[in-house]
């Protein structure tokens, strides 16, 4: 019996590196050897017991790159030896959302690392139709495509237009990927956060301005930036009640609010403000057909994302990586674990 190393969250607060059997490829699948895995905020939430959709024990991970080890002949041109990534959201195919092509918000969706085991294993199997040719991108870069796709989908949901003034609450990886995506649309982008290091990174990567909410009044800065009108679009990328309410407060009349951040805490507010401002509120879940265009954009040099990576840990240090992110002091943006 051939075995592999697997990262497993046994229960909230308990993570371990264990040995398991290498999976056997079935027809219609490929056997993949993992190269890099990114640690998502949802993985940390699973680790800490704050992920609303997780069950245990669970192998985390859904941001990854891999080498194709075994694969049958296919119509996608995927071959043994290719470096690839994959869509980690498993839709049911028959619910009302799936019937309408909205497979990203399938009613019975299972995301790798949350409702089903994920990519923090030396080997995994994946349905061939979910795998994407990496287009010669490095394995390190390919591991960033999934989180990029989350933010890119959210920006498309909000139909961001050239010249829009956009305020993003949260300068973590998803918030900065949202900033990059909105910049691709020609928007004017401002980012808020508590951590100065994150805001400095946002400026380096193209933000038009930042607001440290620990030092400045966001409402006053928004009034200055917009001549008192409010932002055309506010994006919530922190998953907190306060930041959602800040979005509603700082968006212009007739504006848009896009929600990416995921959390468990309830929010109480007077919904009449939504009517008064006639706001468009967009929830954004997962990604929809965004992997190929993003791989192409990065491959053609239209956008640079490698500098999102602040730390790379070897597999043997994976528990340290989770602990570092659990206690993130704002200096960690995207943390990867190197498998190979």
C-alpha atoms as a PDB file:
ATOM      1  CA  UNK A   1       0.000   0.000   0.000  1.00  0.00           C
ATOM      2  CA  UNK A   2       1.447   3.324  -1.091  1.00  0.00           C
ATOM      3  CA  UNK A   3       0.860   6.176   1.317  1.00  0.00           C
ATOM      4  CA  UNK A   4       1.100   9.955   1.245  1.00  0.00           C
ATOM      5  CA  UNK A   5       1.213  12.834   3.705  1.00  0.00           C
ATOM      6  CA  UNK A   6      -2.100  14.563   4.333  1.00  0.00           C
ATOM      7  CA  UNK A   7      -3.007  17.625   6.398  1.00  0.00           C
ATOM      8  CA  UNK A   8      -6.114  16.950   8.472  1.00  0.00           C
ATOM      9  CA  UNK A   9      -8.174  19.167  10.761  1.00  0.00           C
ATOM     10  CA  UNK A  10      -9.445  16.551  13.205  1.00  0.00           C
ATOM     11  CA  UNK A  11     -11.728  19.002  15.011  1.00  0.00           C
ATOM     12  CA  UNK A  12     -11.705  22.751  15.653  1.00  0.00           C
ATOM     13  CA  UNK A  13      -8.260  23.679  16.962  1.00  0.00           C
ATOM     14  CA  UNK A  14      -6.647  20.319  16.198  1.00  0.00           C
ATOM     15  CA  UNK A  15      -4.589  20.017  13.009  1.00  0.00           C
ATOM     16  CA  UNK A  16      -2.198  17.180  12.184  1.00  0.00           C
ATOM     17  CA  UNK A  17      -0.012  15.736   9.448  1.00  0.00           C
ATOM     18  CA  UNK A  18      -1.035  12.111   8.888  1.00  0.00           C
ATOM     19  CA  UNK A  19      -0.410   9.231   6.483  1.00  0.00           C
ATOM     20  CA  UNK A  20      -3.155   8.050   4.155  1.00  0.00           C
ATOM     21  CA  UNK A  21      -3.426   5.832   1.095  1.00  0.00           C
ATOM     22  CA  UNK A  22      -2.720   7.463  -2.241  1.00  0.00           C
ATOM     23  CA  UNK A  23      -6.088   7.659  -4.054  1.00  0.00           C
ATOM     24  CA  UNK A  24      -6.723   5.453  -7.064  1.00  0.00           C
ATOM     25  CA  UNK A  25      -7.817   7.225 -10.233  1.00  0.00           C
ATOM     26  CA  UNK A  26     -11.211   6.263 -11.619  1.00  0.00           C
ATOM     27  CA  UNK A  27     -12.450   6.650 -15.185  1.00  0.00           C
ATOM     28  CA  UNK A  28     -13.027  10.315 -16.002  1.00  0.00           C
ATOM     29  CA  UNK A  29     -10.526  11.437 -13.378  1.00  0.00           C
ATOM     30  CA  UNK A  30      -6.888  12.458 -13.280  1.00  0.00           C
ATOM     31  CA  UNK A  31      -4.379  11.684 -10.554  1.00  0.00           C
ATOM     32  CA  UNK A  32      -2.651  14.900  -9.540  1.00  0.00           C
ATOM     33  CA  UNK A  33       0.510  15.453  -7.527  1.00  0.00           C
ATOM     34  CA  UNK A  34       0.101  18.660  -5.541  1.00  0.00           C
ATOM     35  CA  UNK A  35       2.796  21.306  -5.994  1.00  0.00           C
ATOM     36  CA  UNK A  36       1.534  24.285  -3.948  1.00  0.00           C
ATOM     37  CA  UNK A  37      -1.504  24.911  -1.753  1.00  0.00           C
ATOM     38  CA  UNK A  38      -2.649  28.313  -0.583  1.00  0.00           C
ATOM     39  CA  UNK A  39      -4.176  28.713   2.867  1.00  0.00           C
ATOM     40  CA  UNK A  40      -7.498  30.503   2.485  1.00  0.00           C
ATOM     41  CA  UNK A  41      -9.310  32.442   5.190  1.00  0.00           C
ATOM     42  CA  UNK A  42     -11.959  29.721   5.024  1.00  0.00           C
ATOM     43  CA  UNK A  43      -9.290  27.113   5.894  1.00  0.00           C
ATOM     44  CA  UNK A  44      -8.355  29.120   8.969  1.00  0.00           C
ATOM     45  CA  UNK A  45     -12.059  29.415   9.806  1.00  0.00           C
ATOM     46  CA  UNK A  46     -12.369  25.630   9.554  1.00  0.00           C
ATOM     47  CA  UNK A  47      -9.329  25.271  11.809  1.00  0.00           C
ATOM     48  CA  UNK A  48     -10.732  27.647  14.422  1.00  0.00           C
ATOM     49  CA  UNK A  49     -14.322  26.366  14.198  1.00  0.00           C
ATOM     50  CA  UNK A  50     -15.667  29.542  12.603  1.00  0.00           C
ATOM     51  CA  UNK A  51     -16.436  28.152   9.144  1.00  0.00           C
ATOM     52  CA  UNK A  52     -20.264  27.978   8.912  1.00  0.00           C
ATOM     53  CA  UNK A  53     -20.259  25.211   6.276  1.00  0.00           C
ATOM     54  CA  UNK A  54     -17.463  22.888   7.489  1.00  0.00           C
ATOM     55  CA  UNK A  55     -17.729  19.383   8.914  1.00  0.00           C
ATOM     56  CA  UNK A  56     -15.000  17.314  10.609  1.00  0.00           C
ATOM     57  CA  UNK A  57     -12.592  15.644  10.305  1.00  0.00           C
ATOM     58  CA  UNK A  58     -11.615  17.580   7.197  1.00  0.00           C
ATOM     59  CA  UNK A  59      -8.661  17.850   4.814  1.00  0.00           C
ATOM     60  CA  UNK A  60      -8.526  21.603   4.053  1.00  0.00           C
ATOM     61  CA  UNK A  61      -7.535  23.389   0.870  1.00  0.00           C
ATOM     62  CA  UNK A  62      -8.947  24.473  -2.462  1.00  0.00           C
ATOM     63  CA  UNK A  63      -6.288  26.858  -3.809  1.00  0.00           C
ATOM     64  CA  UNK A  64      -3.698  24.680  -5.510  1.00  0.00           C
ATOM     65  CA  UNK A  65      -1.480  23.785  -8.404  1.00  0.00           C
ATOM     66  CA  UNK A  66      -0.514  20.248  -9.363  1.00  0.00           C
ATOM     67  CA  UNK A  67       1.267  18.032 -11.859  1.00  0.00           C
ATOM     68  CA  UNK A  68      -0.783  15.561 -13.886  1.00  0.00           C
ATOM     69  CA  UNK A  69       0.490  12.064 -13.002  1.00  0.00           C
ATOM     70  CA  UNK A  70      -2.172   9.859 -14.626  1.00  0.00           C
ATOM     71  CA  UNK A  71      -4.876  10.842 -17.099  1.00  0.00           C
ATOM     72  CA  UNK A  72      -6.841   9.230 -19.892  1.00  0.00           C
ATOM     73  CA  UNK A  73      -7.195  10.670 -23.378  1.00  0.00           C
ATOM     74  CA  UNK A  74      -9.449  13.712 -23.227  1.00  0.00           C
ATOM     75  CA  UNK A  75     -10.905  16.553 -25.291  1.00  0.00           C
ATOM     76  CA  UNK A  76      -9.240  19.287 -23.182  1.00  0.00           C
ATOM     77  CA  UNK A  77      -5.720  18.569 -24.368  1.00  0.00           C
ATOM     78  CA  UNK A  78      -4.587  17.719 -20.849  1.00  0.00           C
ATOM     79  CA  UNK A  79      -1.542  15.481 -20.751  1.00  0.00           C
ATOM     80  CA  UNK A  80       0.636  13.710 -18.216  1.00  0.00           C
ATOM     81  CA  UNK A  81       3.301  16.072 -16.872  1.00  0.00           C
ATOM     82  CA  UNK A  82       1.311  19.281 -17.305  1.00  0.00           C
ATOM     83  CA  UNK A  83       1.145  21.780 -14.454  1.00  0.00           C
ATOM     84  CA  UNK A  84      -2.512  22.577 -13.837  1.00  0.00           C
ATOM     85  CA  UNK A  85      -5.057  23.990 -11.428  1.00  0.00           C
ATOM     86  CA  UNK A  86      -8.717  23.080 -10.976  1.00  0.00           C
ATOM     87  CA  UNK A  87     -12.192  24.258 -10.066  1.00  0.00           C
ATOM     88  CA  UNK A  88     -12.805  23.115  -6.454  1.00  0.00           C
ATOM     89  CA  UNK A  89     -16.571  23.778  -6.277  1.00  0.00           C
ATOM     90  CA  UNK A  90     -18.607  20.612  -6.827  1.00  0.00           C
ATOM     91  CA  UNK A  91     -22.153  21.417  -7.932  1.00  0.00           C
ATOM     92  CA  UNK A  92     -24.989  18.873  -7.954  1.00  0.00           C
ATOM     93  CA  UNK A  93     -26.091  19.502 -11.551  1.00  0.00           C
ATOM     94  CA  UNK A  94     -29.826  19.202 -10.917  1.00  0.00           C
ATOM     95  CA  UNK A  95     -30.939  21.913  -8.446  1.00  0.00           C
ATOM     96  CA  UNK A  96     -32.722  25.044  -9.671  1.00  0.00           C
ATOM     97  CA  UNK A  97     -29.476  27.080  -9.691  1.00  0.00           C
ATOM     98  CA  UNK A  98     -27.627  24.438 -11.697  1.00  0.00           C
ATOM     99  CA  UNK A  99     -30.520  24.162 -14.159  1.00  0.00           C
ATOM    100  CA  UNK A 100     -30.159  27.896 -14.835  1.00  0.00           C
ATOM    101  CA  UNK A 101     -26.378  27.693 -15.281  1.00  0.00           C
ATOM    102  CA  UNK A 102     -25.620  29.313 -11.927  1.00  0.00           C
ATOM    103  CA  UNK A 103     -23.467  26.377 -10.873  1.00  0.00           C
ATOM    104  CA  UNK A 104     -21.316  28.527  -8.582  1.00  0.00           C
ATOM    105  CA  UNK A 105     -24.265  28.975  -6.216  1.00  0.00           C
ATOM    106  CA  UNK A 106     -25.545  25.409  -6.377  1.00  0.00           C
ATOM    107  CA  UNK A 107     -27.944  24.726  -3.514  1.00  0.00           C
ATOM    108  CA  UNK A 108     -25.985  21.567  -2.648  1.00  0.00           C
ATOM    109  CA  UNK A 109     -22.510  22.911  -3.457  1.00  0.00           C
ATOM    110  CA  UNK A 110     -19.548  21.117  -1.916  1.00  0.00           C
ATOM    111  CA  UNK A 111     -16.310  23.094  -1.872  1.00  0.00           C
ATOM    112  CA  UNK A 112     -13.043  21.225  -1.435  1.00  0.00           C
ATOM    113  CA  UNK A 113     -11.705  21.730   2.064  1.00  0.00           C
ATOM    114  CA  UNK A 114     -15.113  22.656   3.454  1.00  0.00           C
ATOM    115  CA  UNK A 115     -17.933  20.209   2.709  1.00  0.00           C
ATOM    116  CA  UNK A 116     -15.575  17.629   1.145  1.00  0.00           C
ATOM    117  CA  UNK A 117     -11.892  16.830   1.532  1.00  0.00           C
ATOM    118  CA  UNK A 118      -9.525  19.263  -0.105  1.00  0.00           C
ATOM    119  CA  UNK A 119      -6.111  19.672  -1.660  1.00  0.00           C
ATOM    120  CA  UNK A 120      -3.793  19.533   1.363  1.00  0.00           C
ATOM    121  CA  UNK A 121      -2.570  16.072   0.374  1.00  0.00           C
ATOM    122  CA  UNK A 122       0.403  14.964  -1.690  1.00  0.00           C
ATOM    123  CA  UNK A 123      -1.929  13.355  -4.224  1.00  0.00           C
ATOM    124  CA  UNK A 124      -5.580  13.936  -5.118  1.00  0.00           C
ATOM    125  CA  UNK A 125      -7.924  12.825  -7.885  1.00  0.00           C
ATOM    126  CA  UNK A 126     -10.030  15.333  -9.832  1.00  0.00           C
ATOM    127  CA  UNK A 127     -12.668  15.008 -12.561  1.00  0.00           C
ATOM    128  CA  UNK A 128     -10.946  15.852 -15.823  1.00  0.00           C
ATOM    129  CA  UNK A 129     -13.569  18.455 -16.783  1.00  0.00           C
ATOM    130  CA  UNK A 130     -12.647  20.489 -13.687  1.00  0.00           C
ATOM    131  CA  UNK A 131      -8.951  20.753 -14.544  1.00  0.00           C
ATOM    132  CA  UNK A 132      -7.408  23.770 -16.309  1.00  0.00           C
ATOM    133  CA  UNK A 133      -4.221  23.856 -18.344  1.00  0.00           C
ATOM    134  CA  UNK A 134      -1.804  26.178 -16.572  1.00  0.00           C
ATOM    135  CA  UNK A 135      -0.697  27.743 -19.876  1.00  0.00           C
ATOM    136  CA  UNK A 136       2.975  27.511 -18.854  1.00  0.00           C
ATOM    137  CA  UNK A 137       2.461  29.538 -15.675  1.00  0.00           C
ATOM    138  CA  UNK A 138       4.607  28.487 -12.728  1.00  0.00           C
ATOM    139  CA  UNK A 139       3.108  26.171 -10.129  1.00  0.00           C
ATOM    140  CA  UNK A 140       3.462  28.944  -7.557  1.00  0.00           C
ATOM    141  CA  UNK A 141       1.480  31.407  -9.678  1.00  0.00           C
ATOM    142  CA  UNK A 142      -1.227  28.871 -10.554  1.00  0.00           C
ATOM    143  CA  UNK A 143      -1.977  28.341  -6.864  1.00  0.00           C
ATOM    144  CA  UNK A 144      -3.156  31.984  -6.780  1.00  0.00           C
ATOM    145  CA  UNK A 145      -5.729  31.693  -9.565  1.00  0.00           C
ATOM    146  CA  UNK A 146      -8.564  30.364  -7.390  1.00  0.00           C
ATOM    147  CA  UNK A 147      -8.550  33.222  -4.844  1.00  0.00           C
ATOM    148  CA  UNK A 148      -8.127  35.671  -7.721  1.00  0.00           C
ATOM    149  CA  UNK A 149     -11.225  34.159  -9.348  1.00  0.00           C
ATOM    150  CA  UNK A 150     -13.316  34.723  -6.203  1.00  0.00           C
ATOM    151  CA  UNK A 151     -12.652  38.456  -6.299  1.00  0.00           C
ATOM    152  CA  UNK A 152     -12.852  38.697 -10.091  1.00  0.00           C
ATOM    153  CA  UNK A 153     -16.301  37.101 -10.032  1.00  0.00           C
ATOM    154  CA  UNK A 154     -17.434  39.562  -7.346  1.00  0.00           C
ATOM    155  CA  UNK A 155     -16.292  42.534  -9.401  1.00  0.00           C
ATOM    156  CA  UNK A 156     -18.183  41.177 -12.407  1.00  0.00           C
ATOM    157  CA  UNK A 157     -21.256  40.659 -10.211  1.00  0.00           C
ATOM    158  CA  UNK A 158     -21.155  44.341  -9.284  1.00  0.00           C
ATOM    159  CA  UNK A 159     -20.697  45.366 -12.928  1.00  0.00           C
ATOM    160  CA  UNK A 160     -17.874  47.769 -12.040  1.00  0.00           C
ATOM    161  CA  UNK A 161     -17.461  50.429 -14.720  1.00  0.00           C
ATOM    162  CA  UNK A 162     -14.549  52.581 -15.852  1.00  0.00           C
ATOM    163  CA  UNK A 163     -14.338  55.668 -13.655  1.00  0.00           C
ATOM    164  CA  UNK A 164     -16.382  54.220 -10.777  1.00  0.00           C
ATOM    165  CA  UNK A 165     -15.157  55.208  -7.333  1.00  0.00           C
ATOM    166  CA  UNK A 166     -14.863  51.961  -5.371  1.00  0.00           C
ATOM    167  CA  UNK A 167     -14.165  51.448  -1.677  1.00  0.00           C
ATOM    168  CA  UNK A 168     -13.003  48.020  -0.512  1.00  0.00           C
ATOM    169  CA  UNK A 169     -13.319  47.121   3.165  1.00  0.00           C
ATOM    170  CA  UNK A 170     -10.538  44.651   3.950  1.00  0.00           C
ATOM    171  CA  UNK A 171      -7.008  44.469   2.507  1.00  0.00           C
ATOM    172  CA  UNK A 172      -6.494  40.759   2.924  1.00  0.00           C
ATOM    173  CA  UNK A 173      -5.834  38.585  -0.125  1.00  0.00           C
ATOM    174  CA  UNK A 174      -9.454  38.650  -1.330  1.00  0.00           C
ATOM    175  CA  UNK A 175      -9.707  42.414  -0.847  1.00  0.00           C
ATOM    176  CA  UNK A 176      -6.510  43.085  -2.801  1.00  0.00           C
ATOM    177  CA  UNK A 177      -7.504  40.644  -5.545  1.00  0.00           C
ATOM    178  CA  UNK A 178     -10.795  42.581  -5.721  1.00  0.00           C
ATOM    179  CA  UNK A 179      -8.775  45.779  -6.047  1.00  0.00           C
ATOM    180  CA  UNK A 180      -6.710  44.292  -8.896  1.00  0.00           C
ATOM    181  CA  UNK A 181      -9.882  43.074 -10.627  1.00  0.00           C
ATOM    182  CA  UNK A 182     -11.593  46.462 -10.319  1.00  0.00           C
ATOM    183  CA  UNK A 183      -8.467  48.220 -11.634  1.00  0.00           C
ATOM    184  CA  UNK A 184      -8.692  46.004 -14.715  1.00  0.00           C
ATOM    185  CA  UNK A 185     -12.125  47.575 -15.281  1.00  0.00           C
ATOM    186  CA  UNK A 186     -10.672  51.100 -15.047  1.00  0.00           C
ATOM    187  CA  UNK A 187     -12.147  51.973 -11.654  1.00  0.00           C
ATOM    188  CA  UNK A 188     -10.698  54.333  -9.039  1.00  0.00           C
ATOM    189  CA  UNK A 189      -9.986  52.198  -5.977  1.00  0.00           C
ATOM    190  CA  UNK A 190      -9.647  52.951  -2.277  1.00  0.00           C
ATOM    191  CA  UNK A 191      -8.948  50.305   0.362  1.00  0.00           C
ATOM    192  CA  UNK A 192      -9.484  50.265   4.130  1.00  0.00           C
ATOM    193  CA  UNK A 193      -7.931  48.064   6.801  1.00  0.00           C
ATOM    194  CA  UNK A 194      -6.582  48.089  10.362  1.00  0.00           C
ATOM    195  CA  UNK A 195      -3.091  46.941   9.374  1.00  0.00           C
ATOM    196  CA  UNK A 196      -0.595  49.366   7.888  1.00  0.00           C
ATOM    197  CA  UNK A 197       1.442  46.606   6.187  1.00  0.00           C
ATOM    198  CA  UNK A 198      -1.585  45.476   4.213  1.00  0.00           C
ATOM    199  CA  UNK A 199      -2.414  49.026   3.173  1.00  0.00           C
ATOM    200  CA  UNK A 200       1.166  49.588   2.024  1.00  0.00           C
ATOM    201  CA  UNK A 201       0.895  46.432  -0.086  1.00  0.00           C
ATOM    202  CA  UNK A 202      -2.393  47.686  -1.547  1.00  0.00           C
ATOM    203  CA  UNK A 203      -0.705  50.935  -2.585  1.00  0.00           C
ATOM    204  CA  UNK A 204       2.207  49.054  -4.151  1.00  0.00           C
ATOM    205  CA  UNK A 205      -0.247  46.993  -6.178  1.00  0.00           C
ATOM    206  CA  UNK A 206      -2.219  49.915  -7.558  1.00  0.00           C
ATOM    207  CA  UNK A 207      -4.676  51.351  -5.034  1.00  0.00           C
ATOM    208  CA  UNK A 208      -5.497  55.021  -5.629  1.00  0.00           C
ATOM    209  CA  UNK A 209      -5.697  55.589  -1.893  1.00  0.00           C
ATOM    210  CA  UNK A 210      -5.982  53.798   1.441  1.00  0.00           C
ATOM    211  CA  UNK A 211      -7.610  54.468   4.801  1.00  0.00           C
ATOM    212  CA  UNK A 212      -6.293  53.057   8.058  1.00  0.00           C
ATOM    213  CA  UNK A 213      -9.493  52.743  10.077  1.00  0.00           C
ATOM    214  CA  UNK A 214      -7.481  52.688  13.312  1.00  0.00           C
ATOM    215  CA  UNK A 215      -6.188  56.177  12.589  1.00  0.00           C
ATOM    216  CA  UNK A 216      -8.734  57.889  10.341  1.00  0.00           C
ATOM    217  CA  UNK A 217     -12.497  58.331  10.108  1.00  0.00           C
ATOM    218  CA  UNK A 218     -13.651  56.403   7.037  1.00  0.00           C
ATOM    219  CA  UNK A 219     -16.843  58.432   6.670  1.00  0.00           C
ATOM    220  CA  UNK A 220     -14.919  61.715   6.588  1.00  0.00           C
ATOM    221  CA  UNK A 221     -12.383  60.395   4.085  1.00  0.00           C
ATOM    222  CA  UNK A 222     -15.180  59.188   1.814  1.00  0.00           C
ATOM    223  CA  UNK A 223     -16.804  62.622   1.934  1.00  0.00           C
ATOM    224  CA  UNK A 224     -13.478  64.201   0.956  1.00  0.00           C
ATOM    225  CA  UNK A 225     -12.860  61.766  -1.887  1.00  0.00           C
ATOM    226  CA  UNK A 226     -16.391  61.996  -3.340  1.00  0.00           C
ATOM    227  CA  UNK A 227     -17.315  65.611  -2.548  1.00  0.00           C
ATOM    228  CA  UNK A 228     -19.894  64.282  -0.121  1.00  0.00           C
ATOM    229  CA  UNK A 229     -21.664  62.025  -2.642  1.00  0.00           C
ATOM    230  CA  UNK A 230     -20.492  58.631  -1.403  1.00  0.00           C
ATOM    231  CA  UNK A 231     -18.818  55.798  -3.298  1.00  0.00           C
ATOM    232  CA  UNK A 232     -20.295  54.358  -6.473  1.00  0.00           C
ATOM    233  CA  UNK A 233     -19.519  50.875  -5.180  1.00  0.00           C
ATOM    234  CA  UNK A 234     -18.555  49.514  -1.752  1.00  0.00           C
ATOM    235  CA  UNK A 235     -17.108  46.031  -1.464  1.00  0.00           C
ATOM    236  CA  UNK A 236     -17.214  44.070   1.796  1.00  0.00           C
ATOM    237  CA  UNK A 237     -14.220  41.710   1.938  1.00  0.00           C
ATOM    238  CA  UNK A 238     -13.847  41.211   5.686  1.00  0.00           C
ATOM    239  CA  UNK A 239     -17.000  39.286   6.639  1.00  0.00           C
ATOM    240  CA  UNK A 240     -17.830  41.499   9.610  1.00  0.00           C
ATOM    241  CA  UNK A 241     -21.124  43.160  10.585  1.00  0.00           C
ATOM    242  CA  UNK A 242     -19.384  46.507  11.089  1.00  0.00           C
ATOM    243  CA  UNK A 243     -17.828  46.560   7.625  1.00  0.00           C
ATOM    244  CA  UNK A 244     -21.151  45.644   6.009  1.00  0.00           C
ATOM    245  CA  UNK A 245     -22.812  48.542   7.796  1.00  0.00           C
ATOM    246  CA  UNK A 246     -19.932  50.804   6.760  1.00  0.00           C
ATOM    247  CA  UNK A 247     -20.563  49.810   3.147  1.00  0.00           C
ATOM    248  CA  UNK A 248     -24.217  50.828   3.405  1.00  0.00           C
ATOM    249  CA  UNK A 249     -23.285  54.097   5.083  1.00  0.00           C
ATOM    250  CA  UNK A 250     -20.562  55.106   2.629  1.00  0.00           C
ATOM    251  CA  UNK A 251     -22.095  54.084  -0.691  1.00  0.00           C
ATOM    252  CA  UNK A 252     -23.805  56.751  -2.768  1.00  0.00           C
ATOM    253  CA  UNK A 253     -27.549  56.978  -3.279  1.00  0.00           C
ATOM    254  CA  UNK A 254     -28.302  54.619  -6.155  1.00  0.00           C
ATOM    255  CA  UNK A 255     -25.003  52.847  -5.536  1.00  0.00           C
ATOM    256  CA  UNK A 256     -23.957  49.211  -5.206  1.00  0.00           C
ATOM    257  CA  UNK A 257     -22.722  47.027  -2.365  1.00  0.00           C
ATOM    258  CA  UNK A 258     -20.908  43.752  -3.163  1.00  0.00           C
ATOM    259  CA  UNK A 259     -20.447  41.151  -0.420  1.00  0.00           C
ATOM    260  CA  UNK A 260     -17.496  38.736  -0.616  1.00  0.00           C
ATOM    261  CA  UNK A 261     -16.544  38.328   3.037  1.00  0.00           C
ATOM    262  CA  UNK A 262     -17.974  35.259   4.751  1.00  0.00           C
ATOM    263  CA  UNK A 263     -18.756  35.163   8.470  1.00  0.00           C
ATOM    264  CA  UNK A 264     -21.012  33.658  11.132  1.00  0.00           C
ATOM    265  CA  UNK A 265     -22.027  36.784  13.034  1.00  0.00           C
ATOM    266  CA  UNK A 266     -25.470  38.319  12.542  1.00  0.00           C
ATOM    267  CA  UNK A 267     -25.977  41.938  11.511  1.00  0.00           C
ATOM    268  CA  UNK A 268     -28.793  44.163  12.782  1.00  0.00           C
ATOM    269  CA  UNK A 269     -29.792  47.327  10.926  1.00  0.00           C
ATOM    270  CA  UNK A 270     -32.798  49.293   9.749  1.00  0.00           C
ATOM    271  CA  UNK A 271     -33.393  48.011   6.243  1.00  0.00           C
ATOM    272  CA  UNK A 272     -35.186  51.225   5.273  1.00  0.00           C
ATOM    273  CA  UNK A 273     -31.795  52.716   4.418  1.00  0.00           C
ATOM    274  CA  UNK A 274     -31.611  50.258   1.501  1.00  0.00           C
ATOM    275  CA  UNK A 275     -34.898  51.630   0.202  1.00  0.00           C
ATOM    276  CA  UNK A 276     -34.002  55.238   0.869  1.00  0.00           C
ATOM    277  CA  UNK A 277     -30.767  54.947  -1.073  1.00  0.00           C
ATOM    278  CA  UNK A 278     -32.245  52.463  -3.582  1.00  0.00           C
ATOM    279  CA  UNK A 279     -29.158  50.319  -3.258  1.00  0.00           C
ATOM    280  CA  UNK A 280     -28.230  47.268  -5.299  1.00  0.00           C
ATOM    281  CA  UNK A 281     -26.872  44.590  -2.932  1.00  0.00           C
ATOM    282  CA  UNK A 282     -24.923  41.742  -4.543  1.00  0.00           C
ATOM    283  CA  UNK A 283     -23.905  38.550  -2.809  1.00  0.00           C
ATOM    284  CA  UNK A 284     -20.989  36.811  -4.475  1.00  0.00           C
ATOM    285  CA  UNK A 285     -20.225  33.121  -4.042  1.00  0.00           C
ATOM    286  CA  UNK A 286     -17.373  31.105  -5.511  1.00  0.00           C
ATOM    287  CA  UNK A 287     -16.440  31.667  -9.143  1.00  0.00           C
ATOM    288  CA  UNK A 288     -18.135  31.090 -12.481  1.00  0.00           C
ATOM    289  CA  UNK A 289     -16.083  30.312 -15.611  1.00  0.00           C
ATOM    290  CA  UNK A 290     -13.338  32.683 -14.445  1.00  0.00           C
ATOM    291  CA  UNK A 291     -10.306  30.385 -14.347  1.00  0.00           C
ATOM    292  CA  UNK A 292      -9.425  30.336 -18.093  1.00  0.00           C
ATOM    293  CA  UNK A 293      -9.636  34.125 -18.640  1.00  0.00           C
ATOM    294  CA  UNK A 294      -7.580  34.801 -15.511  1.00  0.00           C
ATOM    295  CA  UNK A 295      -4.916  32.256 -16.458  1.00  0.00           C
ATOM    296  CA  UNK A 296      -4.785  33.949 -19.861  1.00  0.00           C
ATOM    297  CA  UNK A 297      -4.534  37.462 -18.369  1.00  0.00           C
ATOM    298  CA  UNK A 298      -1.653  36.470 -16.120  1.00  0.00           C
ATOM    299  CA  UNK A 299       0.096  34.461 -18.854  1.00  0.00           C
ATOM    300  CA  UNK A 300      -0.031  37.472 -21.201  1.00  0.00           C
ATOM    301  CA  UNK A 301       1.444  39.724 -18.544  1.00  0.00           C
ATOM    302  CA  UNK A 302      -1.674  41.887 -18.228  1.00  0.00           C
ATOM    303  CA  UNK A 303      -1.581  41.582 -14.466  1.00  0.00           C
ATOM    304  CA  UNK A 304       1.078  40.641 -11.891  1.00  0.00           C
ATOM    305  CA  UNK A 305      -0.013  38.530  -8.909  1.00  0.00           C
ATOM    306  CA  UNK A 306       3.125  36.759  -7.657  1.00  0.00           C
ATOM    307  CA  UNK A 307       3.864  39.565  -5.193  1.00  0.00           C
ATOM    308  CA  UNK A 308       0.679  38.592  -3.344  1.00  0.00           C
ATOM    309  CA  UNK A 309       2.738  35.783  -1.772  1.00  0.00           C
ATOM    310  CA  UNK A 310       4.331  36.854   1.500  1.00  0.00           C
ATOM    311  CA  UNK A 311       5.371  33.444   2.848  1.00  0.00           C
ATOM    312  CA  UNK A 312       6.050  29.906   1.619  1.00  0.00           C
ATOM    313  CA  UNK A 313       6.202  27.028   4.124  1.00  0.00           C
ATOM    314  CA  UNK A 314       7.462  23.500   3.485  1.00  0.00           C
ATOM    315  CA  UNK A 315       4.874  20.757   4.027  1.00  0.00           C
ATOM    316  CA  UNK A 316       6.579  19.646   7.240  1.00  0.00           C
ATOM    317  CA  UNK A 317       5.936  23.155   8.645  1.00  0.00           C
ATOM    318  CA  UNK A 318       2.260  23.302   7.627  1.00  0.00           C
ATOM    319  CA  UNK A 319       0.994  23.433  11.224  1.00  0.00           C
ATOM    320  CA  UNK A 320       3.239  26.447  11.805  1.00  0.00           C
ATOM    321  CA  UNK A 321       1.754  28.043   8.702  1.00  0.00           C
ATOM    322  CA  UNK A 322      -1.795  27.642   9.999  1.00  0.00           C
ATOM    323  CA  UNK A 323      -0.791  29.014  13.411  1.00  0.00           C
ATOM    324  CA  UNK A 324       0.921  32.035  11.852  1.00  0.00           C
ATOM    325  CA  UNK A 325      -2.213  32.866   9.857  1.00  0.00           C
ATOM    326  CA  UNK A 326      -4.510  32.242  12.803  1.00  0.00           C
ATOM    327  CA  UNK A 327      -2.553  34.952  14.634  1.00  0.00           C
ATOM    328  CA  UNK A 328      -1.935  37.118  11.584  1.00  0.00           C
ATOM    329  CA  UNK A 329      -0.472  40.460  12.589  1.00  0.00           C
ATOM    330  CA  UNK A 330      -1.267  41.956   9.210  1.00  0.00           C
ATOM    331  CA  UNK A 331       2.087  41.119   7.613  1.00  0.00           C
ATOM    332  CA  UNK A 332       0.848  37.896   5.996  1.00  0.00           C
ATOM    333  CA  UNK A 333      -1.105  38.279   2.773  1.00  0.00           C
ATOM    334  CA  UNK A 334      -1.097  35.025   0.808  1.00  0.00           C
ATOM    335  CA  UNK A 335       0.645  32.092   2.448  1.00  0.00           C
ATOM    336  CA  UNK A 336       1.510  29.014   0.389  1.00  0.00           C
ATOM    337  CA  UNK A 337       2.569  25.532   1.417  1.00  0.00           C
ATOM    338  CA  UNK A 338       5.086  23.861  -0.892  1.00  0.00           C
ATOM    339  CA  UNK A 339       4.501  20.138  -1.396  1.00  0.00           C
ATOM    340  CA  UNK A 340       7.084  19.273  -4.005  1.00  0.00           C
END
